[in-house]
Amino acid sequence: MATLTLGPALAGRGIAKFPADAADSRASHYANMKPKRCLAELERRKIPFTVVEEARGVLVPVRLTGPIGTVLFRTDFPAERRQSVPWEIFDCRLVLALDDFAKLLRVHDIEEVRIFSAYRPPSKKWPKGKVARRHPGGLAVDIRLLRKRGGKKLVVTDHFNGRIGAETCGPGAVAPDPATQEARELRSIVCEAADARLFHSILTPNYDRPHFNHFHLEVTAGVRWFIVR
């Protein structure tokens, strides 16, 4: 799983977009939310969670203790280990974006999302109290599989059917090849999330080889860019 580095090179390649109303997006609204307000919003939305006492690099670390709405986000670890592995720690702000994403997934009859990780602990040299971005900050999640009611699975590595460098969404989008029902639905889910601007960064197998088996969804505080590839 790759570490995403953003900078002028990405913008120069036409990957990053800088809309004038970026601050009005749901991604920006959540990413810039203060900790107390974020936790209060989780409570208001009745999202089941517990606060994690400490997760180096994460501003507001939480664990999900049940589904978001009717959609369960989890790793492949067995139940007895899930409450101790670091990869199921999320920043509260990402959870709010995932709550909106879960509403979209329910339209597609998705009831479970399998992830590789959300949080990935930074180096032990990372200063205590310093907030990180992306996975070390608990602000990104890598999704490998979506399961529908009835058991049908949409597996990114098997069903996305993309091509590195191809546009995923928008006027220049390249259709999956072959354009199976699973490939079309995976593409629809990604592009609906992009249109709703739920995340600042959405990376698919079209982005590069390290993303061949997952979707990377990320919110980032203090930015005005969006990436969908």
C-alpha atoms as a PDB file:
ATOM      1  CA  MET A   1       0.000   0.000   0.000  1.00  0.00           C
ATOM      2  CA  ALA A   2       1.579   3.241  -1.157  1.00  0.00           C
ATOM      3  CA  THR A   3       2.057   6.474   0.758  1.00  0.00           C
ATOM      4  CA  LEU A   4       0.544   9.330  -1.228  1.00  0.00           C
ATOM      5  CA  THR A   5       2.665  12.453  -1.591  1.00  0.00           C
ATOM      6  CA  LEU A   6       0.879  15.536  -2.867  1.00  0.00           C
ATOM      7  CA  GLY A   7       2.607  18.524  -4.367  1.00  0.00           C
ATOM      8  CA  PRO A   8       3.021  20.675  -7.486  1.00  0.00           C
ATOM      9  CA  ALA A   9       3.873  17.640  -9.599  1.00  0.00           C
ATOM     10  CA  LEU A  10       0.434  16.145  -9.134  1.00  0.00           C
ATOM     11  CA  ALA A  11      -1.268  19.423  -9.922  1.00  0.00           C
ATOM     12  CA  GLY A  12       0.931  19.813 -12.969  1.00  0.00           C
ATOM     13  CA  ARG A  13      -0.145  16.389 -14.213  1.00  0.00           C
ATOM     14  CA  GLY A  14      -3.765  17.527 -13.940  1.00  0.00           C
ATOM     15  CA  ILE A  15      -4.544  15.113 -11.117  1.00  0.00           C
ATOM     16  CA  ALA A  16      -5.340  17.609  -8.365  1.00  0.00           C
ATOM     17  CA  LYS A  17      -8.320  19.917  -8.885  1.00  0.00           C
ATOM     18  CA  PHE A  18      -8.751  23.176  -6.979  1.00  0.00           C
ATOM     19  CA  PRO A  19     -12.437  24.216  -7.084  1.00  0.00           C
ATOM     20  CA  ALA A  20     -13.281  27.709  -5.829  1.00  0.00           C
ATOM     21  CA  ASP A  21     -15.870  26.316  -3.416  1.00  0.00           C
ATOM     22  CA  ALA A  22     -13.642  23.604  -1.936  1.00  0.00           C
ATOM     23  CA  ALA A  23     -14.200  24.899   1.589  1.00  0.00           C
ATOM     24  CA  ASP A  24     -17.936  24.267   1.207  1.00  0.00           C
ATOM     25  CA  SER A  25     -17.478  20.530   0.585  1.00  0.00           C
ATOM     26  CA  ARG A  26     -18.451  17.925   3.126  1.00  0.00           C
ATOM     27  CA  ALA A  27     -14.875  16.603   3.090  1.00  0.00           C
ATOM     28  CA  SER A  28     -13.520  20.011   4.117  1.00  0.00           C
ATOM     29  CA  HIS A  29     -16.284  20.569   6.645  1.00  0.00           C
ATOM     30  CA  TYR A  30     -15.405  17.327   8.405  1.00  0.00           C
ATOM     31  CA  ALA A  31     -11.619  17.534   8.051  1.00  0.00           C
ATOM     32  CA  ASN A  32     -11.506  20.987   9.665  1.00  0.00           C
ATOM     33  CA  MET A  33     -13.875  20.137  12.528  1.00  0.00           C
ATOM     34  CA  LYS A  34     -12.684  20.603  16.106  1.00  0.00           C
ATOM     35  CA  PRO A  35     -12.393  17.477  18.272  1.00  0.00           C
ATOM     36  CA  LYS A  36     -15.243  18.184  20.726  1.00  0.00           C
ATOM     37  CA  ARG A  37     -17.619  19.089  17.942  1.00  0.00           C
ATOM     38  CA  CYS A  38     -16.661  15.973  15.967  1.00  0.00           C
ATOM     39  CA  LEU A  39     -17.301  13.644  18.892  1.00  0.00           C
ATOM     40  CA  ALA A  40     -20.598  15.386  19.603  1.00  0.00           C
ATOM     41  CA  GLU A  41     -21.600  14.844  15.983  1.00  0.00           C
ATOM     42  CA  LEU A  42     -20.828  11.124  16.225  1.00  0.00           C
ATOM     43  CA  GLU A  43     -23.104  11.006  19.263  1.00  0.00           C
ATOM     44  CA  ARG A  44     -25.827  12.979  17.507  1.00  0.00           C
ATOM     45  CA  ARG A  45     -25.717  10.596  14.537  1.00  0.00           C
ATOM     46  CA  LYS A  46     -25.829   7.611  16.914  1.00  0.00           C
ATOM     47  CA  ILE A  47     -22.656   6.131  15.437  1.00  0.00           C
ATOM     48  CA  PRO A  48     -21.377   3.398  17.795  1.00  0.00           C
ATOM     49  CA  PHE A  49     -17.822   4.162  18.916  1.00  0.00           C
ATOM     50  CA  THR A  50     -15.374   4.283  21.772  1.00  0.00           C
ATOM     51  CA  VAL A  51     -12.665   6.884  22.239  1.00  0.00           C
ATOM     52  CA  VAL A  52      -9.113   5.528  22.035  1.00  0.00           C
ATOM     53  CA  GLU A  53      -6.957   6.813  24.847  1.00  0.00           C
ATOM     54  CA  GLU A  54      -3.903   7.321  22.660  1.00  0.00           C
ATOM     55  CA  ALA A  55      -2.916   6.724  19.049  1.00  0.00           C
ATOM     56  CA  ARG A  56       0.255   8.544  18.107  1.00  0.00           C
ATOM     57  CA  GLY A  57      -0.402  10.968  15.239  1.00  0.00           C
ATOM     58  CA  VAL A  58      -4.224  10.850  15.441  1.00  0.00           C
ATOM     59  CA  LEU A  59      -6.057  13.972  16.614  1.00  0.00           C
ATOM     60  CA  VAL A  60      -9.352  12.304  17.626  1.00  0.00           C
ATOM     61  CA  PRO A  61      -8.829   8.513  17.662  1.00  0.00           C
ATOM     62  CA  VAL A  62     -11.913   6.296  17.905  1.00  0.00           C
ATOM     63  CA  ARG A  63     -12.901   2.687  17.285  1.00  0.00           C
ATOM     64  CA  LEU A  64     -16.167   1.679  15.745  1.00  0.00           C
ATOM     65  CA  THR A  65     -18.108  -0.749  17.917  1.00  0.00           C
ATOM     66  CA  GLY A  66     -20.777  -1.571  15.342  1.00  0.00           C
ATOM     67  CA  PRO A  67     -22.065  -0.679  11.893  1.00  0.00           C
ATOM     68  CA  ILE A  68     -22.330   2.879  10.643  1.00  0.00           C
ATOM     69  CA  GLY A  69     -26.037   2.905   9.971  1.00  0.00           C
ATOM     70  CA  THR A  70     -26.403  -0.557   8.493  1.00  0.00           C
ATOM     71  CA  VAL A  71     -22.898  -0.774   6.975  1.00  0.00           C
ATOM     72  CA  LEU A  72     -20.109  -2.517   8.883  1.00  0.00           C
ATOM     73  CA  PHE A  73     -16.546  -1.297   8.248  1.00  0.00           C
ATOM     74  CA  ARG A  74     -13.971  -3.842   9.433  1.00  0.00           C
ATOM     75  CA  THR A  75     -10.663  -5.562   8.759  1.00  0.00           C
ATOM     76  CA  ASP A  76     -10.355  -9.298   8.132  1.00  0.00           C
ATOM     77  CA  PHE A  77      -9.103  -9.929  11.668  1.00  0.00           C
ATOM     78  CA  PRO A  78     -11.298 -12.207  13.815  1.00  0.00           C
ATOM     79  CA  ALA A  79     -13.666 -10.579  16.310  1.00  0.00           C
ATOM     80  CA  GLU A  80     -11.438 -11.307  19.312  1.00  0.00           C
ATOM     81  CA  ARG A  81      -8.575  -9.323  17.761  1.00  0.00           C
ATOM     82  CA  ARG A  82     -10.383  -6.478  16.079  1.00  0.00           C
ATOM     83  CA  GLN A  83     -10.613  -4.362  19.221  1.00  0.00           C
ATOM     84  CA  SER A  84      -6.840  -4.432  19.699  1.00  0.00           C
ATOM     85  CA  VAL A  85      -5.325  -4.120  16.209  1.00  0.00           C
ATOM     86  CA  PRO A  86      -4.283  -0.539  15.336  1.00  0.00           C
ATOM     87  CA  TRP A  87      -5.637  -0.756  11.805  1.00  0.00           C
ATOM     88  CA  GLU A  88      -9.227  -0.319  12.995  1.00  0.00           C
ATOM     89  CA  ILE A  89      -8.549   3.034  14.651  1.00  0.00           C
ATOM     90  CA  PHE A  90     -10.091   5.984  12.791  1.00  0.00           C
ATOM     91  CA  ASP A  91      -9.895   9.711  13.287  1.00  0.00           C
ATOM     92  CA  CYS A  92     -13.377  10.921  14.208  1.00  0.00           C
ATOM     93  CA  ARG A  93     -13.397  13.233  11.191  1.00  0.00           C
ATOM     94  CA  LEU A  94     -12.939  10.356   8.762  1.00  0.00           C
ATOM     95  CA  VAL A  95     -15.808   8.503  10.438  1.00  0.00           C
ATOM     96  CA  LEU A  96     -18.172  11.381   9.654  1.00  0.00           C
ATOM     97  CA  ALA A  97     -17.208  11.153   5.981  1.00  0.00           C
ATOM     98  CA  LEU A  98     -17.685   7.373   6.120  1.00  0.00           C
ATOM     99  CA  ASP A  99     -21.154   7.907   7.586  1.00  0.00           C
ATOM    100  CA  ASP A 100     -22.118   9.877   4.478  1.00  0.00           C
ATOM    101  CA  PHE A 101     -20.423   7.233   2.334  1.00  0.00           C
ATOM    102  CA  ALA A 102     -22.438   4.524   4.101  1.00  0.00           C
ATOM    103  CA  LYS A 103     -25.667   6.214   3.016  1.00  0.00           C
ATOM    104  CA  LEU A 104     -24.457   5.985  -0.566  1.00  0.00           C
ATOM    105  CA  LEU A 105     -23.479   2.340  -0.087  1.00  0.00           C
ATOM    106  CA  ARG A 106     -26.904   1.440   1.236  1.00  0.00           C
ATOM    107  CA  VAL A 107     -28.406   2.529  -2.077  1.00  0.00           C
ATOM    108  CA  HIS A 108     -26.175  -0.140  -3.636  1.00  0.00           C
ATOM    109  CA  ASP A 109     -27.362  -2.711  -1.086  1.00  0.00           C
ATOM    110  CA  ILE A 110     -23.903  -2.876   0.547  1.00  0.00           C
ATOM    111  CA  GLU A 111     -23.910  -4.048   4.155  1.00  0.00           C
ATOM    112  CA  GLU A 112     -20.220  -4.731   4.829  1.00  0.00           C
ATOM    113  CA  VAL A 113     -16.952  -3.080   3.801  1.00  0.00           C
ATOM    114  CA  ARG A 114     -13.679  -4.941   4.313  1.00  0.00           C
ATOM    115  CA  ILE A 115     -10.624  -2.733   4.768  1.00  0.00           C
ATOM    116  CA  PHE A 116      -6.886  -3.311   4.851  1.00  0.00           C
ATOM    117  CA  SER A 117      -6.430  -0.471   7.318  1.00  0.00           C
ATOM    118  CA  ALA A 118      -7.441   2.965   8.427  1.00  0.00           C
ATOM    119  CA  TYR A 119      -4.729   3.954  10.937  1.00  0.00           C
ATOM    120  CA  ARG A 120      -1.153   2.905  10.280  1.00  0.00           C
ATOM    121  CA  PRO A 121       1.041   3.964  13.206  1.00  0.00           C
ATOM    122  CA  PRO A 122       3.842   6.363  12.323  1.00  0.00           C
ATOM    123  CA  SER A 123       7.452   5.773  13.256  1.00  0.00           C
ATOM    124  CA  LYS A 124       8.268   5.585  16.948  1.00  0.00           C
ATOM    125  CA  LYS A 125      10.297   8.731  16.318  1.00  0.00           C
ATOM    126  CA  TRP A 126       7.077  10.629  15.487  1.00  0.00           C
ATOM    127  CA  PRO A 127       6.717  13.363  18.148  1.00  0.00           C
ATOM    128  CA  LYS A 128       4.030  12.704  20.726  1.00  0.00           C
ATOM    129  CA  GLY A 129       1.173  15.166  20.280  1.00  0.00           C
ATOM    130  CA  LYS A 130       2.003  15.975  16.648  1.00  0.00           C
ATOM    131  CA  VAL A 131      -0.949  15.341  14.329  1.00  0.00           C
ATOM    132  CA  ALA A 132      -0.259  13.352  11.165  1.00  0.00           C
ATOM    133  CA  ARG A 133      -2.106  13.111   7.850  1.00  0.00           C
ATOM    134  CA  ARG A 134      -3.339  10.207   5.766  1.00  0.00           C
ATOM    135  CA  HIS A 135      -3.056   6.760   7.369  1.00  0.00           C
ATOM    136  CA  PRO A 136      -0.647   7.815  10.160  1.00  0.00           C
ATOM    137  CA  GLY A 137      -3.298  10.351  11.178  1.00  0.00           C
ATOM    138  CA  GLY A 138      -6.206   7.918  10.917  1.00  0.00           C
ATOM    139  CA  LEU A 139      -7.633  10.063   8.121  1.00  0.00           C
ATOM    140  CA  ALA A 140      -7.537   7.534   5.280  1.00  0.00           C
ATOM    141  CA  VAL A 141      -8.991   4.095   4.722  1.00  0.00           C
ATOM    142  CA  ASP A 142      -8.087   1.410   2.195  1.00  0.00           C
ATOM    143  CA  ILE A 143     -11.104  -0.591   1.027  1.00  0.00           C
ATOM    144  CA  ARG A 144     -10.583  -3.963  -0.633  1.00  0.00           C
ATOM    145  CA  LEU A 145     -14.077  -5.504  -0.745  1.00  0.00           C
ATOM    146  CA  LEU A 146     -17.753  -4.568  -0.491  1.00  0.00           C
ATOM    147  CA  ARG A 147     -20.343  -7.213   0.363  1.00  0.00           C
ATOM    148  CA  LYS A 148     -24.010  -6.940  -0.546  1.00  0.00           C
ATOM    149  CA  ARG A 149     -26.981  -8.336   1.304  1.00  0.00           C
ATOM    150  CA  GLY A 150     -27.308 -11.923   0.169  1.00  0.00           C
ATOM    151  CA  GLY A 151     -23.527 -12.388   0.077  1.00  0.00           C
ATOM    152  CA  LYS A 152     -22.478 -11.090  -3.364  1.00  0.00           C
ATOM    153  CA  LYS A 153     -19.021  -9.520  -3.180  1.00  0.00           C
ATOM    154  CA  LEU A 154     -17.458  -6.676  -5.135  1.00  0.00           C
ATOM    155  CA  VAL A 155     -13.711  -7.245  -4.897  1.00  0.00           C
ATOM    156  CA  VAL A 156     -11.528  -4.379  -6.081  1.00  0.00           C
ATOM    157  CA  THR A 157      -8.634  -6.522  -7.290  1.00  0.00           C
ATOM    158  CA  ASP A 158     -10.953  -8.863  -9.230  1.00  0.00           C
ATOM    159  CA  HIS A 159     -13.731  -6.610 -10.479  1.00  0.00           C
ATOM    160  CA  PHE A 160     -12.535  -3.019 -10.992  1.00  0.00           C
ATOM    161  CA  ASN A 161     -11.104  -3.741 -14.455  1.00  0.00           C
ATOM    162  CA  GLY A 162      -9.290  -0.447 -14.863  1.00  0.00           C
ATOM    163  CA  ARG A 163      -6.034   0.723 -16.383  1.00  0.00           C
ATOM    164  CA  ILE A 164      -3.246   2.730 -14.769  1.00  0.00           C
ATOM    165  CA  GLY A 165      -3.388   6.349 -15.911  1.00  0.00           C
ATOM    166  CA  ALA A 166      -7.013   6.203 -17.072  1.00  0.00           C
ATOM    167  CA  GLU A 167      -9.530   8.743 -15.806  1.00  0.00           C
ATOM    168  CA  THR A 168     -11.948   7.123 -13.388  1.00  0.00           C
ATOM    169  CA  CYS A 169     -14.774   9.680 -13.274  1.00  0.00           C
ATOM    170  CA  GLY A 170     -15.974  12.716 -15.184  1.00  0.00           C
ATOM    171  CA  PRO A 171     -16.139  13.613 -18.880  1.00  0.00           C
ATOM    172  CA  GLY A 172     -12.814  11.941 -19.691  1.00  0.00           C
ATOM    173  CA  ALA A 173     -13.550   8.713 -17.820  1.00  0.00           C
ATOM    174  CA  VAL A 174     -12.452   5.482 -19.454  1.00  0.00           C
ATOM    175  CA  ALA A 175     -14.963   2.647 -19.107  1.00  0.00           C
ATOM    176  CA  PRO A 176     -13.836  -0.537 -17.355  1.00  0.00           C
ATOM    177  CA  ASP A 177     -12.685  -3.317 -19.657  1.00  0.00           C
ATOM    178  CA  PRO A 178     -14.424  -5.682 -19.534  1.00  0.00           C
ATOM    179  CA  ALA A 179     -17.432  -3.621 -18.425  1.00  0.00           C
ATOM    180  CA  THR A 180     -18.976  -6.278 -16.227  1.00  0.00           C
ATOM    181  CA  GLN A 181     -21.855  -5.538 -13.883  1.00  0.00           C
ATOM    182  CA  GLU A 182     -19.445  -5.612 -10.923  1.00  0.00           C
ATOM    183  CA  ALA A 183     -17.000  -3.246 -12.628  1.00  0.00           C
ATOM    184  CA  ARG A 184     -19.748  -0.781 -13.499  1.00  0.00           C
ATOM    185  CA  GLU A 185     -21.089  -0.789  -9.965  1.00  0.00           C
ATOM    186  CA  LEU A 186     -17.675  -0.274  -8.393  1.00  0.00           C
ATOM    187  CA  ARG A 187     -17.092   2.631 -10.772  1.00  0.00           C
ATOM    188  CA  SER A 188     -20.511   4.062  -9.918  1.00  0.00           C
ATOM    189  CA  ILE A 189     -19.813   3.919  -6.182  1.00  0.00           C
ATOM    190  CA  VAL A 190     -16.465   5.700  -6.556  1.00  0.00           C
ATOM    191  CA  CYS A 191     -17.850   8.400  -8.824  1.00  0.00           C
ATOM    192  CA  GLU A 192     -20.921   9.037  -6.691  1.00  0.00           C
ATOM    193  CA  ALA A 193     -18.623   9.601  -3.700  1.00  0.00           C
ATOM    194  CA  ALA A 194     -16.457  11.898  -5.820  1.00  0.00           C
ATOM    195  CA  ASP A 195     -19.455  13.893  -7.047  1.00  0.00           C
ATOM    196  CA  ALA A 196     -20.620  14.346  -3.452  1.00  0.00           C
ATOM    197  CA  ARG A 197     -17.075  15.445  -2.488  1.00  0.00           C
ATOM    198  CA  LEU A 198     -17.034  13.227   0.569  1.00  0.00           C
ATOM    199  CA  PHE A 199     -13.249  12.791   0.410  1.00  0.00           C
ATOM    200  CA  HIS A 200     -10.345  14.952  -0.717  1.00  0.00           C
ATOM    201  CA  SER A 201      -8.556  11.995  -2.233  1.00  0.00           C
ATOM    202  CA  ILE A 202     -10.048   8.945  -3.948  1.00  0.00           C
ATOM    203  CA  LEU A 203      -7.461   6.640  -5.479  1.00  0.00           C
ATOM    204  CA  THR A 204      -8.325   3.454  -7.366  1.00  0.00           C
ATOM    205  CA  PRO A 205      -6.310   0.860  -9.321  1.00  0.00           C
ATOM    206  CA  ASN A 206      -6.225   3.470 -12.097  1.00  0.00           C
ATOM    207  CA  TYR A 207      -3.822   5.558  -9.999  1.00  0.00           C
ATOM    208  CA  ASP A 208      -0.780   3.291  -9.823  1.00  0.00           C
ATOM    209  CA  ARG A 209       0.325  -0.301  -9.309  1.00  0.00           C
ATOM    210  CA  PRO A 210       0.398  -0.177  -5.469  1.00  0.00           C
ATOM    211  CA  HIS A 211      -3.344   0.599  -5.511  1.00  0.00           C
ATOM    212  CA  PHE A 212      -4.236  -2.434  -7.646  1.00  0.00           C
ATOM    213  CA  ASN A 213      -6.274  -4.053  -4.872  1.00  0.00           C
ATOM    214  CA  HIS A 214      -8.030  -1.237  -3.017  1.00  0.00           C
ATOM    215  CA  PHE A 215      -9.710   2.150  -2.983  1.00  0.00           C
ATOM    216  CA  HIS A 216      -7.936   4.808  -0.909  1.00  0.00           C
ATOM    217  CA  LEU A 217     -10.383   7.330   0.613  1.00  0.00           C
ATOM    218  CA  GLU A 218      -8.970  10.283   2.540  1.00  0.00           C
ATOM    219  CA  VAL A 219      -9.924  13.586   4.151  1.00  0.00           C
ATOM    220  CA  THR A 220      -7.308  16.262   4.791  1.00  0.00           C
ATOM    221  CA  ALA A 221      -7.557  19.414   6.874  1.00  0.00           C
ATOM    222  CA  GLY A 222      -6.565  22.795   5.470  1.00  0.00           C
ATOM    223  CA  VAL A 223      -6.455  21.944   1.760  1.00  0.00           C
ATOM    224  CA  ARG A 224      -8.396  23.127  -1.282  1.00  0.00           C
ATOM    225  CA  TRP A 225      -7.656  20.269  -3.642  1.00  0.00           C
ATOM    226  CA  PHE A 226      -9.480  17.120  -4.660  1.00  0.00           C
ATOM    227  CA  ILE A 227      -8.021  14.096  -6.391  1.00  0.00           C
ATOM    228  CA  VAL A 228      -9.965  11.357  -8.125  1.00  0.00           C
ATOM    229  CA  ARG A 229      -7.985   8.841 -10.156  1.00  0.00           C
END
